[in-house]
Amino acid sequence: MEEIKRVDRKLEHRGTIVDFYSDYMKLPNDKIVKWDFIKHNGAAAIVPIDENGKIIMVRQYRNAVEKYTLEIPAGAINPGEDMKTAATRECEEETGYKANQVEHLLDLYTTVAFCNEKIGIYYTWDLTRTEQHLDDDEYLNVERHTVEELTNMIFDGTIEDAKTIAAILSIKTKLAL
């Protein structure tokens, strides 16, 4: 592959969870082009499996798609956290269940064309009931579904969130649920 090299990066806007940049890239033909780049500090998610084998999900409004979505619990990595710690924290904050044993499932980049957001996805089957600790701007409902119900929701278009689709299909394969 021929080399493509960034020759400059200009911050266009600093957001609360992402920063927007213009990257100036030198192509193999020596042409300089401008590409958009969104910098994200990473996120973590978890597939919490309850004592009945159901997956605890959250339904919340997402302004980017202007509708409610059904997702696995997830959120940004706080300063000083690693992905596993963030996934464990998000589980308790969003669902009201503390994840005692947490295992890695997979990592994924959400949109490689213009964003470096990487999500570490974990799973747990060892849960202790606590209470939700939602952020001030979080309003969500907790639901429980079987893997088969969730798989059907993926293929009928009900679930469209990429991390959730990857996690559900991966956990179905890994644990043969």
Foldseek 3Di string as FASTA:
>chain_A
DADKAFPDKAFDADDPFKTKIWTWIQDNVRDTDTDIAIEGQAKEFEFEQEPVRWTKWKWFADVVVGGIAIATFMDGADPPDDRQVRHQVSCCQGPQKGADDKAWQDKDAQDVRHYRHIYTYIYGHDIDGGHHNYDPPTDIDIDIDHLVVVVVCVVVVRHDRPVRVVVSVRCCVVVVD
